[in-house]
């Protein structure tokens, strides 16, 4: 009888170890996904700030009808930065989706 109790206890302990390992691995995956999504959200906020900068620059150039907005150095540099940020955001979201299912919501 003690042998059967010991075997049942050992089997239960093995199942708990297996579940704990599985749970730990899943938590690591979820944390990695959330880190990538956080970085993506941070980049999106930076993108919004750059768009605001372009808007302000356009307002400043309003009185200069002879000046092409796209040739303004501040605007063109900001547009290039936005393109880089957009690519980085897409890369981060792609990495997150490769790791596991991405939670729906912002983004």
PDB file of N, CA and C in Angstrom:
ATOM      1  N   UNK A   1       0.818  -1.187   0.000  1.00  0.00           N
ATOM      2  CA  UNK A   1       0.000   0.000   0.000  1.00  0.00           C
ATOM      3  C   UNK A   1       0.872   1.265   0.000  1.00  0.00           C
ATOM      4  N   UNK A   2       1.942   1.263   0.803  1.00  0.00           N
ATOM      5  CA  UNK A   2       2.848   2.413   0.810  1.00  0.00           C
ATOM      6  C   UNK A   2       3.515   2.589  -0.547  1.00  0.00           C
ATOM      7  N   UNK A   3       3.784   1.461  -1.213  1.00  0.00           N
ATOM      8  CA  UNK A   3       4.412   1.535  -2.523  1.00  0.00           C
ATOM      9  C   UNK A   3       3.476   2.228  -3.520  1.00  0.00           C
ATOM     10  N   UNK A   4       2.187   1.905  -3.464  1.00  0.00           N
ATOM     11  CA  UNK A   4       1.207   2.521  -4.358  1.00  0.00           C
ATOM     12  C   UNK A   4       1.073   4.020  -4.061  1.00  0.00           C
ATOM     13  N   UNK A   5       1.046   4.383  -2.790  1.00  0.00           N
ATOM     14  CA  UNK A   5       0.976   5.798  -2.407  1.00  0.00           C
ATOM     15  C   UNK A   5       2.211   6.536  -2.920  1.00  0.00           C
ATOM     16  N   UNK A   6       3.370   5.900  -2.745  1.00  0.00           N
ATOM     17  CA  UNK A   6       4.624   6.502  -3.206  1.00  0.00           C
ATOM     18  C   UNK A   6       4.595   6.704  -4.727  1.00  0.00           C
ATOM     19  N   UNK A   7       4.129   5.711  -5.481  1.00  0.00           N
ATOM     20  CA  UNK A   7       4.063   5.811  -6.945  1.00  0.00           C
ATOM     21  C   UNK A   7       3.094   6.922  -7.375  1.00  0.00           C
ATOM     22  N   UNK A   8       1.930   6.965  -6.722  1.00  0.00           N
ATOM     23  CA  UNK A   8       0.956   8.019  -7.042  1.00  0.00           C
ATOM     24  C   UNK A   8       1.515   9.406  -6.735  1.00  0.00           C
ATOM     25  N   UNK A   9       2.211   9.509  -5.616  1.00  0.00           N
ATOM     26  CA  UNK A   9       2.830  10.782  -5.238  1.00  0.00           C
ATOM     27  C   UNK A   9       3.889  11.182  -6.267  1.00  0.00           C
ATOM     28  N   UNK A  10       4.708  10.232  -6.685  1.00  0.00           N
ATOM     29  CA  UNK A  10       5.764  10.493  -7.666  1.00  0.00           C
ATOM     30  C   UNK A  10       5.164  10.897  -9.017  1.00  0.00           C
ATOM     31  N   UNK A  11       4.114  10.198  -9.432  1.00  0.00           N
ATOM     32  CA  UNK A  11       3.449  10.551 -10.693  1.00  0.00           C
ATOM     33  C   UNK A  11       2.846  11.954 -10.618  1.00  0.00           C
ATOM     34  N   UNK A  12       2.235  12.267  -9.497  1.00  0.00           N
ATOM     35  CA  UNK A  12       1.667  13.599  -9.307  1.00  0.00           C
ATOM     36  C   UNK A  12       2.740  14.673  -9.338  1.00  0.00           C
ATOM     37  N   UNK A  13       3.870  14.406  -8.704  1.00  0.00           N
ATOM     38  CA  UNK A  13       4.978  15.370  -8.694  1.00  0.00           C
ATOM     39  C   UNK A  13       5.518  15.584 -10.107  1.00  0.00           C
ATOM     40  N   UNK A  14       5.606  14.525 -10.897  1.00  0.00           N
ATOM     41  CA  UNK A  14       6.082  14.645 -12.282  1.00  0.00           C
ATOM     42  C   UNK A  14       5.117  15.494 -13.110  1.00  0.00           C
ATOM     43  N   UNK A  15       3.822  15.288 -12.910  1.00  0.00           N
ATOM     44  CA  UNK A  15       2.829  16.072 -13.645  1.00  0.00           C
ATOM     45  C   UNK A  15       2.903  17.543 -13.252  1.00  0.00           C
ATOM     46  N   UNK A  16       3.114  17.808 -11.984  1.00  0.00           N
ATOM     47  CA  UNK A  16       3.242  19.195 -11.523  1.00  0.00           C
ATOM     48  C   UNK A  16       4.491  19.840 -12.122  1.00  0.00           C
ATOM     49  N   UNK A  17       5.601  19.098 -12.168  1.00  0.00           N
ATOM     50  CA  UNK A  17       6.834  19.628 -12.771  1.00  0.00           C
ATOM     51  C   UNK A  17       6.612  19.942 -14.244  1.00  0.00           C
ATOM     52  N   UNK A  18       5.935  19.027 -14.945  1.00  0.00           N
ATOM     53  CA  UNK A  18       5.671  19.230 -16.361  1.00  0.00           C
ATOM     54  C   UNK A  18       4.810  20.479 -16.569  1.00  0.00           C
ATOM     55  N   UNK A  19       3.750  20.600 -15.782  1.00  0.00           N
ATOM     56  CA  UNK A  19       2.860  21.754 -15.906  1.00  0.00           C
ATOM     57  C   UNK A  19       3.600  23.045 -15.572  1.00  0.00           C
ATOM     58  N   UNK A  20       4.428  23.023 -14.544  1.00  0.00           N
ATOM     59  CA  UNK A  20       5.182  24.220 -14.152  1.00  0.00           C
ATOM     60  C   UNK A  20       6.139  24.641 -15.267  1.00  0.00           C
ATOM     61  N   UNK A  21       6.797  23.671 -15.901  1.00  0.00           N
ATOM     62  CA  UNK A  21       7.713  23.984 -16.998  1.00  0.00           C
ATOM     63  C   UNK A  21       6.945  24.569 -18.183  1.00  0.00           C
ATOM     64  N   UNK A  22       5.810  23.975 -18.498  1.00  0.00           N
ATOM     65  CA  UNK A  22       4.981  24.463 -19.594  1.00  0.00           C
ATOM     66  C   UNK A  22       4.480  25.880 -19.304  1.00  0.00           C
ATOM     67  N   UNK A  23       4.012  26.103 -18.099  1.00  0.00           N
ATOM     68  CA  UNK A  23       3.509  27.416 -17.694  1.00  0.00           C
ATOM     69  C   UNK A  23       4.624  28.461 -17.748  1.00  0.00           C
ATOM     70  N   UNK A  24       5.804  28.099 -17.281  1.00  0.00           N
ATOM     71  CA  UNK A  24       6.942  29.017 -17.286  1.00  0.00           C
ATOM     72  C   UNK A  24       7.322  29.399 -18.713  1.00  0.00           C
ATOM     73  N   UNK A  25       7.354  28.418 -19.594  1.00  0.00           N
ATOM     74  CA  UNK A  25       7.703  28.686 -20.983  1.00  0.00           C
ATOM     75  C   UNK A  25       6.667  29.609 -21.625  1.00  0.00           C
ATOM     76  N   UNK A  26       5.408  29.350 -21.352  1.00  0.00           N
ATOM     77  CA  UNK A  26       4.341  30.175 -21.918  1.00  0.00           C
ATOM     78  C   UNK A  26       4.413  31.608 -21.385  1.00  0.00           C
ATOM     79  N   UNK A  27       4.725  31.754 -20.118  1.00  0.00           N
ATOM     80  CA  UNK A  27       4.853  33.094 -19.534  1.00  0.00           C
ATOM     81  C   UNK A  27       6.015  33.852 -20.174  1.00  0.00           C
ATOM     82  N   UNK A  28       7.122  33.156 -20.432  1.00  0.00           N
ATOM     83  CA  UNK A  28       8.262  33.802 -21.088  1.00  0.00           C
ATOM     84  C   UNK A  28       7.878  34.287 -22.483  1.00  0.00           C
ATOM     85  N   UNK A  29       7.095  33.479 -23.192  1.00  0.00           N
ATOM     86  CA  UNK A  29       6.637  33.870 -24.522  1.00  0.00           C
ATOM     87  C   UNK A  29       5.744  35.102 -24.429  1.00  0.00           C
ATOM     88  N   UNK A  30       4.806  35.088 -23.495  1.00  0.00           N
ATOM     89  CA  UNK A  30       3.896  36.226 -23.336  1.00  0.00           C
ATOM     90  C   UNK A  30       4.661  37.501 -22.981  1.00  0.00           C
ATOM     91  N   UNK A  31       5.638  37.395 -22.107  1.00  0.00           N
ATOM     92  CA  UNK A  31       6.438  38.566 -21.720  1.00  0.00           C
ATOM     93  C   UNK A  31       7.200  39.102 -22.930  1.00  0.00           C
ATOM     94  N   UNK A  32       7.753  38.208 -23.748  1.00  0.00           N
ATOM     95  CA  UNK A  32       8.475  38.641 -24.945  1.00  0.00           C
ATOM     96  C   UNK A  32       7.538  39.371 -25.906  1.00  0.00           C
ATOM     97  N   UNK A  33       6.323  38.847 -26.072  1.00  0.00           N
ATOM     98  CA  UNK A  33       5.350  39.497 -26.949  1.00  0.00           C
ATOM     99  C   UNK A  33       4.996  40.881 -26.413  1.00  0.00           C
ATOM    100  N   UNK A  34       4.741  40.976 -25.109  1.00  0.00           N
ATOM    101  CA  UNK A  34       4.380  42.271 -24.531  1.00  0.00           C
ATOM    102  C   UNK A  34       5.520  43.274 -24.647  1.00  0.00           C
ATOM    103  N   UNK A  35       6.762  42.823 -24.517  1.00  0.00           N
ATOM    104  CA  UNK A  35       7.899  43.736 -24.676  1.00  0.00           C
ATOM    105  C   UNK A  35       7.943  44.291 -26.097  1.00  0.00           C
ATOM    106  N   UNK A  36       7.746  43.405 -27.081  1.00  0.00           N
ATOM    107  CA  UNK A  36       7.766  43.860 -28.468  1.00  0.00           C
ATOM    108  C   UNK A  36       6.610  44.815 -28.757  1.00  0.00           C
ATOM    109  N   UNK A  37       5.443  44.506 -28.228  1.00  0.00           N
ATOM    110  CA  UNK A  37       4.296  45.390 -28.443  1.00  0.00           C
ATOM    111  C   UNK A  37       4.487  46.727 -27.735  1.00  0.00           C
ATOM    112  N   UNK A  38       5.136  46.712 -26.574  1.00  0.00           N
ATOM    113  CA  UNK A  38       5.422  47.962 -25.867  1.00  0.00           C
ATOM    114  C   UNK A  38       6.371  48.827 -26.699  1.00  0.00           C
ATOM    115  N   UNK A  39       7.410  48.194 -27.269  1.00  0.00           N
ATOM    116  CA  UNK A  39       8.341  48.942 -28.113  1.00  0.00           C
ATOM    117  C   UNK A  39       7.618  49.517 -29.330  1.00  0.00           C
ATOM    118  N   UNK A  40       6.722  48.732 -29.909  1.00  0.00           N
ATOM    119  CA  UNK A  40       5.946  49.187 -31.055  1.00  0.00           C
ATOM    120  C   UNK A  40       5.082  50.385 -30.679  1.00  0.00           C
ATOM    121  N   UNK A  41       4.448  50.323 -29.527  1.00  0.00           N
ATOM    122  CA  UNK A  41       3.608  51.428 -29.060  1.00  0.00           C
ATOM    123  C   UNK A  41       4.448  52.682 -28.800  1.00  0.00           C
ATOM    124  N   UNK A  42       5.633  52.483 -28.253  1.00  0.00           N
ATOM    125  CA  UNK A  42       6.550  53.596 -27.989  1.00  0.00           C
ATOM    126  C   UNK A  42       6.961  54.269 -29.305  1.00  0.00           C
ATOM    127  N   UNK A  43       7.234  53.450 -30.316  1.00  0.00           N
ATOM    128  CA  UNK A  43       7.600  53.993 -31.622  1.00  0.00           C
ATOM    129  C   UNK A  43       6.411  54.733 -32.249  1.00  0.00           C
ATOM    130  N   UNK A  44       5.207  54.229 -32.043  1.00  0.00           N
ATOM    131  CA  UNK A  44       4.015  54.891 -32.581  1.00  0.00           C
ATOM    132  C   UNK A  44       3.831  56.268 -31.940  1.00  0.00           C
ATOM    133  N   UNK A  45       4.123  56.371 -30.645  1.00  0.00           N
ATOM    134  CA  UNK A  45       4.033  57.682 -29.984  1.00  0.00           C
ATOM    135  C   UNK A  45       5.083  58.644 -30.547  1.00  0.00           C
ATOM    136  N   UNK A  46       6.274  58.126 -30.830  1.00  0.00           N
ATOM    137  CA  UNK A  46       7.323  58.964 -31.417  1.00  0.00           C
ATOM    138  C   UNK A  46       6.892  59.425 -32.811  1.00  0.00           C
ATOM    139  N   UNK A  47       6.250  58.527 -33.551  1.00  0.00           N
ATOM    140  CA  UNK A  47       5.749  58.857 -34.884  1.00  0.00           C
ATOM    141  C   UNK A  47       4.722  59.984 -34.797  1.00  0.00           C
ATOM    142  N   UNK A  48       3.828  59.897 -33.830  1.00  0.00           N
ATOM    143  CA  UNK A  48       2.817  60.945 -33.646  1.00  0.00           C
ATOM    144  C   UNK A  48       3.466  62.297 -33.353  1.00  0.00           C
ATOM    145  N   UNK A  49       4.524  62.281 -32.554  1.00  0.00           N
ATOM    146  CA  UNK A  49       5.232  63.530 -32.245  1.00  0.00           C
ATOM    147  C   UNK A  49       5.873  64.108 -33.504  1.00  0.00           C
ATOM    148  N   UNK A  50       6.422  63.238 -34.353  1.00  0.00           N
ATOM    149  CA  UNK A  50       7.025  63.716 -35.598  1.00  0.00           C
ATOM    150  C   UNK A  50       5.964  64.276 -36.545  1.00  0.00           C
ATOM    151  N   UNK A  51       4.809  63.642 -36.583  1.00  0.00           N
ATOM    152  CA  UNK A  51       3.719  64.172 -37.411  1.00  0.00           C
ATOM    153  C   UNK A  51       3.298  65.558 -36.927  1.00  0.00           C
ATOM    154  N   UNK A  52       3.299  65.741 -35.624  1.00  0.00           N
ATOM    155  CA  UNK A  52       2.976  67.052 -35.054  1.00  0.00           C
ATOM    156  C   UNK A  52       4.022  68.079 -35.491  1.00  0.00           C
ATOM    157  N   UNK A  53       5.286  67.668 -35.498  1.00  0.00           N
ATOM    158  CA  UNK A  53       6.366  68.558 -35.928  1.00  0.00           C
ATOM    159  C   UNK A  53       6.165  68.984 -37.377  1.00  0.00           C
ATOM    160  N   UNK A  54       5.792  68.034 -38.229  1.00  0.00           N
ATOM    161  CA  UNK A  54       5.547  68.366 -39.637  1.00  0.00           C
ATOM    162  C   UNK A  54       4.388  69.354 -39.744  1.00  0.00           C
ATOM    163  N   UNK A  55       3.337  69.101 -38.983  1.00  0.00           N
ATOM    164  CA  UNK A  55       2.188  70.013 -39.008  1.00  0.00           C
ATOM    165  C   UNK A  55       2.575  71.420 -38.601  1.00  0.00           C
ATOM    166  N   UNK A  56       3.387  71.537 -37.571  1.00  0.00           N
ATOM    167  CA  UNK A  56       3.839  72.857 -37.123  1.00  0.00           C
ATOM    168  C   UNK A  56       4.690  73.530 -38.200  1.00  0.00           C
ATOM    169  N   UNK A  57       5.531  72.740 -38.853  1.00  0.00           N
ATOM    170  CA  UNK A  57       6.393  73.291 -39.905  1.00  0.00           C
ATOM    171  C   UNK A  57       5.552  73.770 -41.093  1.00  0.00           C
ATOM    172  N   UNK A  58       4.511  73.012 -41.423  1.00  0.00           N
ATOM    173  CA  UNK A  58       3.625  73.416 -42.519  1.00  0.00           C
ATOM    174  C   UNK A  58       2.937  74.738 -42.185  1.00  0.00           C
ATOM    175  N   UNK A  59       2.504  74.894 -40.945  1.00  0.00           N
ATOM    176  CA  UNK A  59       1.863  76.149 -40.530  1.00  0.00           C
ATOM    177  C   UNK A  59       2.860  77.300 -40.630  1.00  0.00           C
ATOM    178  N   UNK A  60       4.109  77.064 -40.247  1.00  0.00           N
ATOM    179  CA  UNK A  60       5.134  78.114 -40.339  1.00  0.00           C
ATOM    180  C   UNK A  60       5.387  78.516 -41.791  1.00  0.00           C
ATOM    181  N   UNK A  61       5.295  77.555 -42.710  1.00  0.00           N
ATOM    182  CA  UNK A  61       5.561  77.836 -44.123  1.00  0.00           C
ATOM    183  C   UNK A  61       4.322  78.343 -44.862  1.00  0.00           C
ATOM    184  N   UNK A  62       3.233  78.497 -44.166  1.00  0.00           N
ATOM    185  CA  UNK A  62       1.966  78.895 -44.784  1.00  0.00           C
ATOM    186  C   UNK A  62       2.096  80.195 -45.572  1.00  0.00           C
ATOM    187  N   UNK A  63       2.787  81.154 -45.033  1.00  0.00           N
ATOM    188  CA  UNK A  63       2.927  82.448 -45.694  1.00  0.00           C
ATOM    189  C   UNK A  63       3.900  82.448 -46.857  1.00  0.00           C
ATOM    190  N   UNK A  64       4.666  81.409 -47.008  1.00  0.00           N
ATOM    191  CA  UNK A  64       5.671  81.332 -48.071  1.00  0.00           C
ATOM    192  C   UNK A  64       5.146  80.442 -49.197  1.00  0.00           C
ATOM    193  N   UNK A  65       4.281  80.991 -50.020  1.00  0.00           N
ATOM    194  CA  UNK A  65       3.653  80.180 -51.072  1.00  0.00           C
ATOM    195  C   UNK A  65       4.660  79.711 -52.120  1.00  0.00           C
ATOM    196  N   UNK A  66       5.779  80.420 -52.242  1.00  0.00           N
ATOM    197  CA  UNK A  66       6.782  80.027 -53.235  1.00  0.00           C
ATOM    198  C   UNK A  66       7.615  78.826 -52.781  1.00  0.00           C
ATOM    199  N   UNK A  67       7.542  78.486 -51.514  1.00  0.00           N
ATOM    200  CA  UNK A  67       8.375  77.412 -50.975  1.00  0.00           C
ATOM    201  C   UNK A  67       7.610  76.087 -51.003  1.00  0.00           C
ATOM    202  N   UNK A  68       8.237  75.075 -51.567  1.00  0.00           N
ATOM    203  CA  UNK A  68       7.647  73.734 -51.606  1.00  0.00           C
ATOM    204  C   UNK A  68       7.843  73.084 -50.235  1.00  0.00           C
ATOM    205  N   UNK A  69       6.769  72.631 -49.662  1.00  0.00           N
ATOM    206  CA  UNK A  69       6.820  72.045 -48.312  1.00  0.00           C
ATOM    207  C   UNK A  69       7.747  70.833 -48.273  1.00  0.00           C
ATOM    208  N   UNK A  70       7.697  70.005 -49.314  1.00  0.00           N
ATOM    209  CA  UNK A  70       8.501  68.780 -49.323  1.00  0.00           C
ATOM    210  C   UNK A  70       9.993  69.055 -49.492  1.00  0.00           C
ATOM    211  N   UNK A  71      10.343  70.243 -49.960  1.00  0.00           N
ATOM    212  CA  UNK A  71      11.762  70.579 -50.114  1.00  0.00           C
ATOM    213  C   UNK A  71      12.347  71.198 -48.851  1.00  0.00           C
ATOM    214  N   UNK A  72      11.497  71.527 -47.907  1.00  0.00           N
ATOM    215  CA  UNK A  72      11.977  72.066 -46.636  1.00  0.00           C
ATOM    216  C   UNK A  72      12.759  70.973 -45.917  1.00  0.00           C
ATOM    217  N   UNK A  73      13.959  71.306 -45.458  1.00  0.00           N
ATOM    218  CA  UNK A  73      14.833  70.281 -44.863  1.00  0.00           C
ATOM    219  C   UNK A  73      14.227  69.654 -43.615  1.00  0.00           C
ATOM    220  N   UNK A  74      13.591  70.457 -42.776  1.00  0.00           N
ATOM    221  CA  UNK A  74      12.999  69.916 -41.544  1.00  0.00           C
ATOM    222  C   UNK A  74      11.886  68.928 -41.868  1.00  0.00           C
ATOM    223  N   UNK A  75      11.059  69.264 -42.856  1.00  0.00           N
ATOM    224  CA  UNK A  75       9.950  68.384 -43.233  1.00  0.00           C
ATOM    225  C   UNK A  75      10.478  67.103 -43.867  1.00  0.00           C
ATOM    226  N   UNK A  76      11.423  67.224 -44.791  1.00  0.00           N
ATOM    227  CA  UNK A  76      11.929  66.028 -45.475  1.00  0.00           C
ATOM    228  C   UNK A  76      12.666  65.095 -44.510  1.00  0.00           C
ATOM    229  N   UNK A  77      13.435  65.665 -43.581  1.00  0.00           N
ATOM    230  CA  UNK A  77      14.119  64.827 -42.588  1.00  0.00           C
ATOM    231  C   UNK A  77      13.115  64.123 -41.679  1.00  0.00           C
ATOM    232  N   UNK A  78      12.071  64.839 -41.304  1.00  0.00           N
ATOM    233  CA  UNK A  78      11.047  64.250 -40.441  1.00  0.00           C
ATOM    234  C   UNK A  78      10.297  63.150 -41.180  1.00  0.00           C
ATOM    235  N   UNK A  79      10.011  63.360 -42.457  1.00  0.00           N
ATOM    236  CA  UNK A  79       9.338  62.324 -43.248  1.00  0.00           C
ATOM    237  C   UNK A  79      10.202  61.068 -43.364  1.00  0.00           C
ATOM    238  N   UNK A  80      11.505  61.252 -43.547  1.00  0.00           N
ATOM    239  CA  UNK A  80      12.412  60.101 -43.596  1.00  0.00           C
ATOM    240  C   UNK A  80      12.405  59.351 -42.267  1.00  0.00           C
ATOM    241  N   UNK A  81      12.410  60.093 -41.175  1.00  0.00           N
ATOM    242  CA  UNK A  81      12.380  59.478 -39.845  1.00  0.00           C
ATOM    243  C   UNK A  81      11.071  58.704 -39.642  1.00  0.00           C
ATOM    244  N   UNK A  82       9.972  59.261 -40.117  1.00  0.00           N
ATOM    245  CA  UNK A  82       8.674  58.580 -39.998  1.00  0.00           C
ATOM    246  C   UNK A  82       8.689  57.271 -40.790  1.00  0.00           C
ATOM    247  N   UNK A  83       9.283  57.288 -41.974  1.00  0.00           N
ATOM    248  CA  UNK A  83       9.376  56.058 -42.770  1.00  0.00           C
ATOM    249  C   UNK A  83      10.176  54.988 -42.024  1.00  0.00           C
ATOM    250  N   UNK A  84      11.276  55.391 -41.396  1.00  0.00           N
ATOM    251  CA  UNK A  84      12.081  54.441 -40.617  1.00  0.00           C
ATOM    252  C   UNK A  84      11.282  53.885 -39.442  1.00  0.00           C
ATOM    253  N   UNK A  85      10.548  54.762 -38.771  1.00  0.00           N
ATOM    254  CA  UNK A  85       9.746  54.333 -37.620  1.00  0.00           C
ATOM    255  C   UNK A  85       8.647  53.372 -38.064  1.00  0.00           C
ATOM    256  N   UNK A  86       7.992  53.684 -39.195  1.00  0.00           N
ATOM    257  CA  UNK A  86       6.948  52.790 -39.701  1.00  0.00           C
ATOM    258  C   UNK A  86       7.507  51.399 -39.985  1.00  0.00           C
ATOM    259  N   UNK A  87       8.693  51.356 -40.585  1.00  0.00           N
ATOM    260  CA  UNK A  87       9.325  50.063 -40.866  1.00  0.00           C
ATOM    261  C   UNK A  87       9.644  49.335 -39.563  1.00  0.00           C
ATOM    262  N   UNK A  88      10.162  50.048 -38.588  1.00  0.00           N
ATOM    263  CA  UNK A  88      10.503  49.444 -37.291  1.00  0.00           C
ATOM    264  C   UNK A  88       9.248  48.917 -36.586  1.00  0.00           C
ATOM    265  N   UNK A  89       8.159  49.684 -36.637  1.00  0.00           N
ATOM    266  CA  UNK A  89       6.902  49.244 -36.022  1.00  0.00           C
ATOM    267  C   UNK A  89       6.423  47.950 -36.684  1.00  0.00           C
ATOM    268  N   UNK A  90       6.461  47.913 -38.015  1.00  0.00           N
ATOM    269  CA  UNK A  90       6.034  46.699 -38.720  1.00  0.00           C
ATOM    270  C   UNK A  90       6.925  45.515 -38.382  1.00  0.00           C
ATOM    271  N   UNK A  91       8.232  45.749 -38.282  1.00  0.00           N
ATOM    272  CA  UNK A  91       9.155  44.671 -37.905  1.00  0.00           C
ATOM    273  C   UNK A  91       8.846  44.143 -36.508  1.00  0.00           C
ATOM    274  N   UNK A  92       8.607  45.041 -35.566  1.00  0.00           N
ATOM    275  CA  UNK A  92       8.301  44.625 -34.194  1.00  0.00           C
ATOM    276  C   UNK A  92       7.003  43.826 -34.137  1.00  0.00           C
ATOM    277  N   UNK A  93       5.993  44.283 -34.854  1.00  0.00           N
ATOM    278  CA  UNK A  93       4.719  43.557 -34.868  1.00  0.00           C
ATOM    279  C   UNK A  93       4.873  42.194 -35.535  1.00  0.00           C
ATOM    280  N   UNK A  94       5.693  42.130 -36.572  1.00  0.00           N
ATOM    281  CA  UNK A  94       5.931  40.849 -37.246  1.00  0.00           C
ATOM    282  C   UNK A  94       6.657  39.876 -36.318  1.00  0.00           C
ATOM    283  N   UNK A  95       7.675  40.377 -35.606  1.00  0.00           N
ATOM    284  CA  UNK A  95       8.384  39.529 -34.641  1.00  0.00           C
ATOM    285  C   UNK A  95       7.432  39.006 -33.576  1.00  0.00           C
ATOM    286  N   UNK A  96       6.570  39.887 -33.078  1.00  0.00           N
ATOM    287  CA  UNK A  96       5.614  39.483 -32.045  1.00  0.00           C
ATOM    288  C   UNK A  96       4.659  38.417 -32.575  1.00  0.00           C
ATOM    289  N   UNK A  97       4.213  38.568 -33.817  1.00  0.00           N
ATOM    290  CA  UNK A  97       3.282  37.584 -34.370  1.00  0.00           C
ATOM    291  C   UNK A  97       3.972  36.254 -34.652  1.00  0.00           C
ATOM    292  N   UNK A  98       5.286  36.273 -34.906  1.00  0.00           N
ATOM    293  CA  UNK A  98       6.028  35.024 -35.097  1.00  0.00           C
ATOM    294  C   UNK A  98       6.164  34.255 -33.789  1.00  0.00           C
ATOM    295  N   UNK A  99       6.284  34.979 -32.682  1.00  0.00           N
ATOM    296  CA  UNK A  99       6.451  34.334 -31.378  1.00  0.00           C
ATOM    297  C   UNK A  99       5.164  33.655 -30.942  1.00  0.00           C
ATOM    298  N   UNK A 100       4.056  34.325 -31.132  1.00  0.00           N
ATOM    299  CA  UNK A 100       2.777  33.766 -30.698  1.00  0.00           C
ATOM    300  C   UNK A 100       1.650  34.690 -31.090  1.00  0.00           C
ATOM    301  N   UNK A 101       0.431  34.327 -30.722  1.00  0.00           N
ATOM    302  CA  UNK A 101      -0.709  35.175 -31.076  1.00  0.00           C
ATOM    303  C   UNK A 101      -0.611  36.541 -30.409  1.00  0.00           C
ATOM    304  N   UNK A 102      -0.831  37.571 -31.208  1.00  0.00           N
ATOM    305  CA  UNK A 102      -0.737  38.942 -30.715  1.00  0.00           C
ATOM    306  C   UNK A 102      -2.111  39.372 -30.213  1.00  0.00           C
ATOM    307  N   UNK A 103      -2.179  39.888 -28.978  1.00  0.00           N
ATOM    308  CA  UNK A 103      -3.464  40.350 -28.455  1.00  0.00           C
ATOM    309  C   UNK A 103      -4.009  41.490 -29.301  1.00  0.00           C
ATOM    310  N   UNK A 104      -5.291  41.472 -29.537  1.00  0.00           N
ATOM    311  CA  UNK A 104      -5.929  42.535 -30.316  1.00  0.00           C
ATOM    312  C   UNK A 104      -6.093  43.758 -29.425  1.00  0.00           C
ATOM    313  N   UNK A 105      -6.199  44.886 -30.039  1.00  0.00           N
ATOM    314  CA  UNK A 105      -6.345  46.125 -29.280  1.00  0.00           C
ATOM    315  C   UNK A 105      -5.682  47.237 -30.035  1.00  0.00           C
ATOM    316  N   UNK A 106      -4.830  47.971 -29.349  1.00  0.00           N
ATOM    317  CA  UNK A 106      -4.119  49.072 -29.985  1.00  0.00           C
ATOM    318  C   UNK A 106      -3.178  48.511 -31.025  1.00  0.00           C
ATOM    319  N   UNK A 107      -2.986  49.267 -32.055  1.00  0.00           N
ATOM    320  CA  UNK A 107      -1.951  48.864 -32.935  1.00  0.00           C
ATOM    321  C   UNK A 107      -2.313  48.728 -34.325  1.00  0.00           C
TER     322      UNK A 107
END
